[in-house]
Amino acid sequence: MTPPLLVLAWGNLSRGDDALGPLCLAALREQVPNSLQGQVEFLEDYQLQVEHALDLIGRERVLLMDASLNCAAPFAVTQLQPAQDASFTTHALSPQALLQVYQDVQGTAPPPCTLLAIRGEQFELGAPPSPAALAHLKSALAWASQWLLNAH
């Protein structure tokens, strides 16, 4: 049986603040209350791929998490809608394009999906997450914990 909740994060742990999505996912996984055991699945990858559309099948709610250079600090929350863009032909898919792929393949609207974009500043290879990004991560984790608790 597919758990009704999905938390999907992507990023590279070796590229400074790009690690924010996976770090938030790991911390959130540690905080899952017993009442949600078996109700949530956690998936992590280096980047969002077209194949991730299959991971949305059978879900009631989805939380997507990634680092962002463009959002306001400490984080931004967006309710996503399917949208076709040029990213579906590249190696890095946008969250909106992922939902469009789901809709095109499944012939139905995707489950409600929320993007948690965590403000990052430094994405250099081999660098640790910046102090500012770690502070943003703490705030984002608090929000994500509430998202999980409000799921049922």
N, C-alpha and C. Protein backbone atom coordinates (compact mmCIF):
# COMPACT_ATOMS: atom_id res chain seq x y z
N MET A 1 0.84 -1.19 0.00
CA MET A 1 0.00 0.00 0.00
C MET A 1 0.87 1.25 0.00
N THR A 2 0.52 2.20 -0.82
CA THR A 2 1.25 3.45 -0.93
C THR A 2 0.87 4.37 0.23
N PRO A 3 1.85 4.86 1.00
CA PRO A 3 1.53 5.83 2.05
C PRO A 3 0.86 7.07 1.45
N PRO A 4 -0.12 7.64 2.13
CA PRO A 4 -0.84 8.79 1.56
C PRO A 4 -0.01 10.07 1.46
N LEU A 5 1.03 10.17 2.27
CA LEU A 5 1.86 11.38 2.28
C LEU A 5 3.22 11.06 1.67
N LEU A 6 3.72 11.99 0.86
CA LEU A 6 5.06 11.87 0.29
C LEU A 6 5.82 13.15 0.57
N VAL A 7 7.05 12.99 1.06
CA VAL A 7 7.99 14.10 1.19
C VAL A 7 9.13 13.77 0.24
N LEU A 8 9.34 14.62 -0.75
CA LEU A 8 10.36 14.42 -1.77
C LEU A 8 11.29 15.62 -1.77
N ALA A 9 12.57 15.36 -1.51
CA ALA A 9 13.56 16.43 -1.47
C ALA A 9 14.68 16.11 -2.46
N TRP A 10 15.26 17.15 -3.00
CA TRP A 10 16.39 16.93 -3.88
C TRP A 10 17.46 17.99 -3.61
N GLY A 11 18.70 17.59 -3.95
CA GLY A 11 19.85 18.45 -3.75
C GLY A 11 21.10 17.61 -3.62
N ASN A 12 22.23 18.28 -3.60
CA ASN A 12 23.52 17.62 -3.54
C ASN A 12 24.20 17.96 -2.21
N LEU A 13 24.41 16.95 -1.40
CA LEU A 13 25.03 17.15 -0.08
C LEU A 13 26.46 17.68 -0.18
N SER A 14 27.07 17.60 -1.34
CA SER A 14 28.45 18.05 -1.53
C SER A 14 28.55 19.45 -2.11
N ARG A 15 27.43 20.15 -2.26
CA ARG A 15 27.43 21.47 -2.88
C ARG A 15 26.86 22.54 -1.94
N GLY A 16 27.44 22.67 -0.76
CA GLY A 16 27.04 23.75 0.14
C GLY A 16 25.56 23.75 0.44
N ASP A 17 24.93 24.89 0.18
CA ASP A 17 23.52 25.07 0.53
C ASP A 17 22.57 24.24 -0.33
N ASP A 18 23.06 23.63 -1.40
CA ASP A 18 22.22 22.73 -2.20
C ASP A 18 21.76 21.53 -1.37
N ALA A 19 22.40 21.31 -0.25
CA ALA A 19 22.05 20.20 0.65
C ALA A 19 20.80 20.47 1.48
N LEU A 20 20.24 21.67 1.41
CA LEU A 20 19.13 22.03 2.31
C LEU A 20 17.92 21.11 2.19
N GLY A 21 17.53 20.74 0.99
CA GLY A 21 16.38 19.84 0.81
C GLY A 21 16.60 18.50 1.49
N PRO A 22 17.69 17.79 1.14
CA PRO A 22 17.96 16.51 1.80
C PRO A 22 18.18 16.63 3.31
N LEU A 23 18.80 17.70 3.77
CA LEU A 23 18.99 17.88 5.21
C LEU A 23 17.66 18.07 5.93
N CYS A 24 16.76 18.81 5.32
CA CYS A 24 15.44 19.01 5.92
C CYS A 24 14.68 17.69 5.94
N LEU A 25 14.76 16.94 4.85
CA LEU A 25 14.09 15.64 4.80
C LEU A 25 14.60 14.71 5.90
N ALA A 26 15.93 14.64 6.07
CA ALA A 26 16.51 13.75 7.08
C ALA A 26 16.06 14.14 8.49
N ALA A 27 16.04 15.44 8.77
CA ALA A 27 15.61 15.90 10.09
C ALA A 27 14.12 15.66 10.30
N LEU A 28 13.33 15.86 9.25
CA LEU A 28 11.89 15.65 9.34
C LEU A 28 11.58 14.17 9.57
N ARG A 29 12.30 13.31 8.90
CA ARG A 29 12.12 11.86 9.07
C ARG A 29 12.34 11.45 10.52
N GLU A 30 13.30 12.08 11.17
CA GLU A 30 13.60 11.77 12.58
C GLU A 30 12.50 12.23 13.53
N GLN A 31 11.67 13.17 13.09
CA GLN A 31 10.64 13.75 13.95
C GLN A 31 9.24 13.17 13.73
N VAL A 32 9.12 12.20 12.83
CA VAL A 32 7.79 11.67 12.51
C VAL A 32 7.15 11.07 13.77
N PRO A 33 5.99 11.57 14.16
CA PRO A 33 5.33 11.00 15.35
C PRO A 33 4.83 9.58 15.06
N ASN A 34 4.70 8.81 16.11
CA ASN A 34 4.23 7.43 15.97
C ASN A 34 2.89 7.35 15.26
N SER A 35 2.05 8.35 15.44
CA SER A 35 0.73 8.33 14.81
C SER A 35 0.81 8.38 13.28
N LEU A 36 1.96 8.81 12.73
CA LEU A 36 2.12 8.89 11.29
C LEU A 36 3.00 7.78 10.71
N GLN A 37 3.44 6.86 11.57
CA GLN A 37 4.26 5.75 11.06
C GLN A 37 3.47 5.00 10.01
N GLY A 38 4.09 4.74 8.88
CA GLY A 38 3.44 4.04 7.78
C GLY A 38 2.55 4.93 6.93
N GLN A 39 2.38 6.20 7.31
CA GLN A 39 1.52 7.13 6.57
C GLN A 39 2.30 8.08 5.68
N VAL A 40 3.63 8.08 5.82
CA VAL A 40 4.46 9.02 5.06
C VAL A 40 5.67 8.30 4.50
N GLU A 41 5.99 8.62 3.25
CA GLU A 41 7.19 8.09 2.61
C GLU A 41 8.12 9.26 2.34
N PHE A 42 9.41 9.03 2.56
CA PHE A 42 10.44 10.03 2.34
C PHE A 42 11.32 9.58 1.18
N LEU A 43 11.46 10.43 0.17
CA LEU A 43 12.32 10.13 -0.97
C LEU A 43 13.30 11.28 -1.18
N GLU A 44 14.53 10.93 -1.53
CA GLU A 44 15.58 11.93 -1.76
C GLU A 44 16.29 11.60 -3.06
N ASP A 45 16.66 12.65 -3.80
CA ASP A 45 17.40 12.46 -5.04
C ASP A 45 18.29 13.68 -5.25
N TYR A 46 19.18 13.57 -6.25
CA TYR A 46 20.05 14.70 -6.56
C TYR A 46 19.31 15.80 -7.31
N GLN A 47 18.34 15.41 -8.13
CA GLN A 47 17.54 16.38 -8.87
C GLN A 47 16.18 15.78 -9.17
N LEU A 48 15.26 16.65 -9.47
CA LEU A 48 13.91 16.21 -9.82
C LEU A 48 13.93 15.64 -11.23
N GLN A 49 13.36 14.47 -11.39
CA GLN A 49 13.36 13.77 -12.68
C GLN A 49 11.94 13.47 -13.11
N VAL A 50 11.75 13.24 -14.41
CA VAL A 50 10.44 12.92 -14.95
C VAL A 50 9.87 11.66 -14.29
N GLU A 51 10.73 10.73 -13.91
CA GLU A 51 10.29 9.48 -13.27
C GLU A 51 9.63 9.72 -11.92
N HIS A 52 9.92 10.85 -11.29
CA HIS A 52 9.31 11.14 -9.99
C HIS A 52 7.79 11.33 -10.10
N ALA A 53 7.29 11.54 -11.30
CA ALA A 53 5.84 11.64 -11.48
C ALA A 53 5.16 10.36 -11.01
N LEU A 54 5.82 9.23 -11.19
CA LEU A 54 5.26 7.95 -10.75
C LEU A 54 5.16 7.87 -9.23
N ASP A 55 6.03 8.58 -8.54
CA ASP A 55 6.01 8.57 -7.07
C ASP A 55 4.80 9.31 -6.50
N LEU A 56 4.13 10.10 -7.33
CA LEU A 56 2.95 10.85 -6.88
C LEU A 56 1.67 10.01 -6.91
N ILE A 57 1.72 8.88 -7.59
CA ILE A 57 0.52 8.05 -7.75
C ILE A 57 0.05 7.54 -6.40
N GLY A 58 -1.24 7.71 -6.13
CA GLY A 58 -1.85 7.21 -4.90
C GLY A 58 -1.64 8.07 -3.67
N ARG A 59 -1.11 9.26 -3.84
CA ARG A 59 -0.85 10.15 -2.69
C ARG A 59 -2.03 11.07 -2.44
N GLU A 60 -2.21 11.43 -1.17
CA GLU A 60 -3.21 12.43 -0.80
C GLU A 60 -2.60 13.83 -0.78
N ARG A 61 -1.34 13.91 -0.33
CA ARG A 61 -0.63 15.20 -0.25
C ARG A 61 0.84 14.94 -0.47
N VAL A 62 1.51 15.94 -1.07
CA VAL A 62 2.94 15.82 -1.36
C VAL A 62 3.63 17.11 -0.94
N LEU A 63 4.77 16.95 -0.28
CA LEU A 63 5.64 18.07 0.07
C LEU A 63 6.95 17.91 -0.68
N LEU A 64 7.27 18.90 -1.51
CA LEU A 64 8.53 18.93 -2.25
C LEU A 64 9.44 19.94 -1.58
N MET A 65 10.73 19.58 -1.41
CA MET A 65 11.66 20.47 -0.72
C MET A 65 12.95 20.61 -1.52
N ASP A 66 13.41 21.86 -1.64
CA ASP A 66 14.63 22.14 -2.38
C ASP A 66 15.23 23.45 -1.88
N ALA A 67 16.52 23.61 -2.14
CA ALA A 67 17.19 24.88 -1.87
C ALA A 67 16.86 25.85 -3.00
N SER A 68 16.89 27.14 -2.68
CA SER A 68 16.57 28.15 -3.69
C SER A 68 17.42 29.40 -3.49
N LEU A 69 17.94 29.92 -4.60
CA LEU A 69 18.62 31.21 -4.58
C LEU A 69 17.64 32.36 -4.75
N ASN A 70 16.43 32.05 -5.20
CA ASN A 70 15.49 33.09 -5.60
C ASN A 70 14.41 33.43 -4.59
N CYS A 71 14.19 32.58 -3.61
CA CYS A 71 13.11 32.87 -2.66
C CYS A 71 13.60 33.79 -1.55
N ALA A 72 12.66 34.39 -0.86
CA ALA A 72 12.99 35.24 0.29
C ALA A 72 13.43 34.35 1.45
N ALA A 73 14.29 34.88 2.29
CA ALA A 73 14.73 34.16 3.48
C ALA A 73 13.62 34.21 4.53
N PRO A 74 13.44 33.20 5.34
CA PRO A 74 14.22 31.97 5.37
C PRO A 74 13.73 30.90 4.39
N PHE A 75 12.46 30.98 3.97
CA PHE A 75 11.92 30.00 3.03
C PHE A 75 10.64 30.54 2.41
N ALA A 76 10.20 29.87 1.36
CA ALA A 76 8.94 30.23 0.71
C ALA A 76 8.12 28.96 0.48
N VAL A 77 6.82 29.09 0.61
CA VAL A 77 5.89 27.97 0.42
C VAL A 77 4.98 28.32 -0.75
N THR A 78 4.87 27.39 -1.69
CA THR A 78 4.06 27.59 -2.88
C THR A 78 3.18 26.37 -3.11
N GLN A 79 1.89 26.61 -3.31
CA GLN A 79 0.99 25.54 -3.74
C GLN A 79 1.16 25.43 -5.25
N LEU A 80 1.57 24.26 -5.70
CA LEU A 80 1.94 24.09 -7.10
C LEU A 80 0.77 23.69 -7.99
N GLN A 81 0.84 24.11 -9.22
CA GLN A 81 -0.10 23.72 -10.26
C GLN A 81 0.70 23.17 -11.44
N PRO A 82 0.13 22.22 -12.18
CA PRO A 82 0.83 21.72 -13.36
C PRO A 82 1.08 22.84 -14.37
N ALA A 83 2.25 22.82 -14.98
CA ALA A 83 2.58 23.79 -16.02
C ALA A 83 3.69 23.22 -16.89
N GLN A 84 3.49 23.28 -18.18
CA GLN A 84 4.53 22.81 -19.08
C GLN A 84 5.53 23.93 -19.26
N ASP A 85 6.79 23.58 -19.16
CA ASP A 85 7.86 24.54 -19.42
C ASP A 85 8.99 23.78 -20.11
N ALA A 86 10.03 24.48 -20.44
CA ALA A 86 11.13 23.87 -21.19
C ALA A 86 11.94 22.89 -20.36
N SER A 87 11.73 22.86 -19.04
CA SER A 87 12.57 22.01 -18.19
C SER A 87 12.35 20.52 -18.42
N PHE A 88 11.20 20.13 -18.99
CA PHE A 88 10.96 18.70 -19.18
C PHE A 88 11.90 18.10 -20.22
N THR A 89 12.59 18.92 -20.99
CA THR A 89 13.54 18.42 -21.97
C THR A 89 14.98 18.50 -21.47
N THR A 90 15.17 18.92 -20.24
CA THR A 90 16.52 19.06 -19.69
C THR A 90 16.76 18.01 -18.62
N HIS A 91 17.93 18.07 -18.01
CA HIS A 91 18.26 17.11 -16.95
C HIS A 91 17.67 17.51 -15.61
N ALA A 92 17.15 18.71 -15.48
CA ALA A 92 16.58 19.18 -14.22
C ALA A 92 15.15 19.65 -14.46
N LEU A 93 14.21 18.93 -13.92
CA LEU A 93 12.78 19.20 -14.12
C LEU A 93 12.29 20.18 -13.07
N SER A 94 11.43 21.13 -13.47
CA SER A 94 10.81 22.02 -12.48
C SER A 94 9.68 21.27 -11.78
N PRO A 95 9.32 21.66 -10.56
CA PRO A 95 8.20 21.02 -9.87
C PRO A 95 6.89 21.14 -10.66
N GLN A 96 6.66 22.28 -11.28
CA GLN A 96 5.43 22.47 -12.06
C GLN A 96 5.41 21.53 -13.26
N ALA A 97 6.54 21.35 -13.91
CA ALA A 97 6.62 20.44 -15.05
C ALA A 97 6.42 18.99 -14.60
N LEU A 98 6.91 18.65 -13.40
CA LEU A 98 6.68 17.31 -12.87
C LEU A 98 5.18 17.04 -12.74
N LEU A 99 4.44 18.01 -12.23
CA LEU A 99 3.00 17.85 -12.09
C LEU A 99 2.31 17.74 -13.45
N GLN A 100 2.85 18.46 -14.43
CA GLN A 100 2.30 18.37 -15.78
C GLN A 100 2.54 16.98 -16.37
N VAL A 101 3.71 16.42 -16.13
CA VAL A 101 4.01 15.06 -16.59
C VAL A 101 3.03 14.08 -15.95
N TYR A 102 2.81 14.22 -14.65
CA TYR A 102 1.85 13.36 -13.96
C TYR A 102 0.47 13.46 -14.63
N GLN A 103 0.02 14.67 -14.84
CA GLN A 103 -1.31 14.89 -15.42
C GLN A 103 -1.39 14.31 -16.83
N ASP A 104 -0.33 14.48 -17.62
CA ASP A 104 -0.31 13.95 -18.99
C ASP A 104 -0.32 12.43 -19.00
N VAL A 105 0.45 11.82 -18.11
CA VAL A 105 0.57 10.36 -18.09
C VAL A 105 -0.65 9.70 -17.44
N GLN A 106 -1.14 10.26 -16.35
CA GLN A 106 -2.23 9.66 -15.59
C GLN A 106 -3.61 10.07 -16.09
N GLY A 107 -3.69 11.19 -16.82
CA GLY A 107 -4.97 11.65 -17.32
C GLY A 107 -5.86 12.24 -16.25
N THR A 108 -5.27 12.62 -15.14
CA THR A 108 -6.01 13.20 -14.03
C THR A 108 -5.11 14.22 -13.32
N ALA A 109 -5.71 15.08 -12.53
CA ALA A 109 -4.94 16.08 -11.79
C ALA A 109 -4.04 15.40 -10.76
N PRO A 110 -2.87 15.95 -10.52
CA PRO A 110 -2.00 15.40 -9.49
C PRO A 110 -2.55 15.67 -8.10
N PRO A 111 -2.04 14.97 -7.09
CA PRO A 111 -2.46 15.27 -5.72
C PRO A 111 -1.99 16.67 -5.33
N PRO A 112 -2.57 17.26 -4.30
CA PRO A 112 -2.10 18.57 -3.84
C PRO A 112 -0.60 18.52 -3.50
N CYS A 113 0.15 19.41 -4.12
CA CYS A 113 1.60 19.46 -3.93
C CYS A 113 2.02 20.84 -3.46
N THR A 114 2.87 20.84 -2.45
CA THR A 114 3.40 22.06 -1.87
C THR A 114 4.90 22.07 -2.03
N LEU A 115 5.45 23.19 -2.50
CA LEU A 115 6.90 23.35 -2.61
C LEU A 115 7.38 24.17 -1.43
N LEU A 116 8.34 23.61 -0.69
CA LEU A 116 9.04 24.32 0.37
C LEU A 116 10.42 24.66 -0.17
N ALA A 117 10.61 25.91 -0.57
CA ALA A 117 11.89 26.38 -1.10
C ALA A 117 12.65 27.04 0.05
N ILE A 118 13.83 26.52 0.33
CA ILE A 118 14.63 27.00 1.47
C ILE A 118 15.76 27.88 0.92
N ARG A 119 15.85 29.08 1.41
CA ARG A 119 16.84 30.04 0.91
C ARG A 119 18.26 29.56 1.16
N GLY A 120 19.02 29.48 0.06
CA GLY A 120 20.44 29.16 0.11
C GLY A 120 21.23 30.27 -0.53
N GLU A 121 22.52 30.31 -0.23
CA GLU A 121 23.36 31.39 -0.75
C GLU A 121 24.62 30.90 -1.42
N GLN A 122 25.16 29.78 -0.96
CA GLN A 122 26.45 29.29 -1.46
C GLN A 122 26.29 27.84 -1.92
N PHE A 123 26.64 27.58 -3.18
CA PHE A 123 26.44 26.25 -3.75
C PHE A 123 27.74 25.68 -4.32
N GLU A 124 28.87 26.04 -3.72
CA GLU A 124 30.16 25.59 -4.23
C GLU A 124 30.40 24.13 -3.90
N LEU A 125 31.01 23.42 -4.84
CA LEU A 125 31.35 22.01 -4.64
C LEU A 125 32.33 21.87 -3.49
N GLY A 126 32.03 20.97 -2.58
CA GLY A 126 32.90 20.70 -1.44
C GLY A 126 32.68 21.60 -0.24
N ALA A 127 31.86 22.61 -0.37
CA ALA A 127 31.61 23.53 0.74
C ALA A 127 30.51 22.99 1.64
N PRO A 128 30.60 23.26 2.93
CA PRO A 128 29.50 22.90 3.83
C PRO A 128 28.36 23.91 3.68
N PRO A 129 27.19 23.58 4.20
CA PRO A 129 26.11 24.58 4.20
C PRO A 129 26.53 25.83 4.97
N SER A 130 26.11 26.98 4.48
CA SER A 130 26.47 28.25 5.12
C SER A 130 25.71 28.42 6.43
N PRO A 131 26.25 29.22 7.35
CA PRO A 131 25.53 29.48 8.62
C PRO A 131 24.14 30.06 8.38
N ALA A 132 24.00 30.97 7.42
CA ALA A 132 22.68 31.55 7.15
C ALA A 132 21.72 30.46 6.67
N ALA A 133 22.20 29.59 5.79
CA ALA A 133 21.35 28.52 5.27
C ALA A 133 20.91 27.57 6.38
N LEU A 134 21.79 27.28 7.30
CA LEU A 134 21.43 26.40 8.41
C LEU A 134 20.36 27.04 9.30
N ALA A 135 20.42 28.36 9.45
CA ALA A 135 19.37 29.06 10.19
C ALA A 135 18.05 28.99 9.43
N HIS A 136 18.10 29.13 8.11
CA HIS A 136 16.89 29.02 7.29
C HIS A 136 16.33 27.60 7.37
N LEU A 137 17.22 26.63 7.40
CA LEU A 137 16.82 25.23 7.50
C LEU A 137 16.02 24.99 8.79
N LYS A 138 16.47 25.58 9.87
CA LYS A 138 15.78 25.40 11.15
C LYS A 138 14.34 25.92 11.07
N SER A 139 14.16 27.08 10.45
CA SER A 139 12.81 27.64 10.29
C SER A 139 11.97 26.79 9.36
N ALA A 140 12.58 26.33 8.27
CA ALA A 140 11.85 25.50 7.30
C ALA A 140 11.44 24.17 7.92
N LEU A 141 12.30 23.61 8.73
CA LEU A 141 11.98 22.35 9.39
C LEU A 141 10.78 22.50 10.31
N ALA A 142 10.70 23.61 11.02
CA ALA A 142 9.54 23.85 11.89
C ALA A 142 8.26 23.91 11.06
N TRP A 143 8.32 24.56 9.90
CA TRP A 143 7.14 24.64 9.03
C TRP A 143 6.78 23.25 8.50
N ALA A 144 7.79 22.49 8.04
CA ALA A 144 7.55 21.15 7.49
C ALA A 144 6.98 20.21 8.54
N SER A 145 7.42 20.36 9.77
CA SER A 145 6.87 19.53 10.86
C SER A 145 5.39 19.80 11.04
N GLN A 146 4.99 21.06 10.96
CA GLN A 146 3.57 21.41 11.06
C GLN A 146 2.79 20.86 9.87
N TRP A 147 3.40 20.88 8.68
CA TRP A 147 2.74 20.31 7.49
C TRP A 147 2.42 18.84 7.73
N LEU A 148 3.38 18.11 8.30
CA LEU A 148 3.15 16.70 8.59
C LEU A 148 2.06 16.51 9.63
N LEU A 149 2.09 17.28 10.70
CA LEU A 149 1.12 17.14 11.77
C LEU A 149 -0.29 17.49 11.31
N ASN A 150 -0.40 18.41 10.37
CA ASN A 150 -1.71 18.83 9.86
C ASN A 150 -2.21 17.93 8.73
N ALA A 151 -1.46 16.90 8.44
CA ALA A 151 -1.80 16.03 7.31
C ALA A 151 -3.05 15.21 7.57
N HIS A 152 -3.31 14.85 8.79
CA HIS A 152 -4.48 14.04 9.07
C HIS A 152 -5.29 14.61 10.21
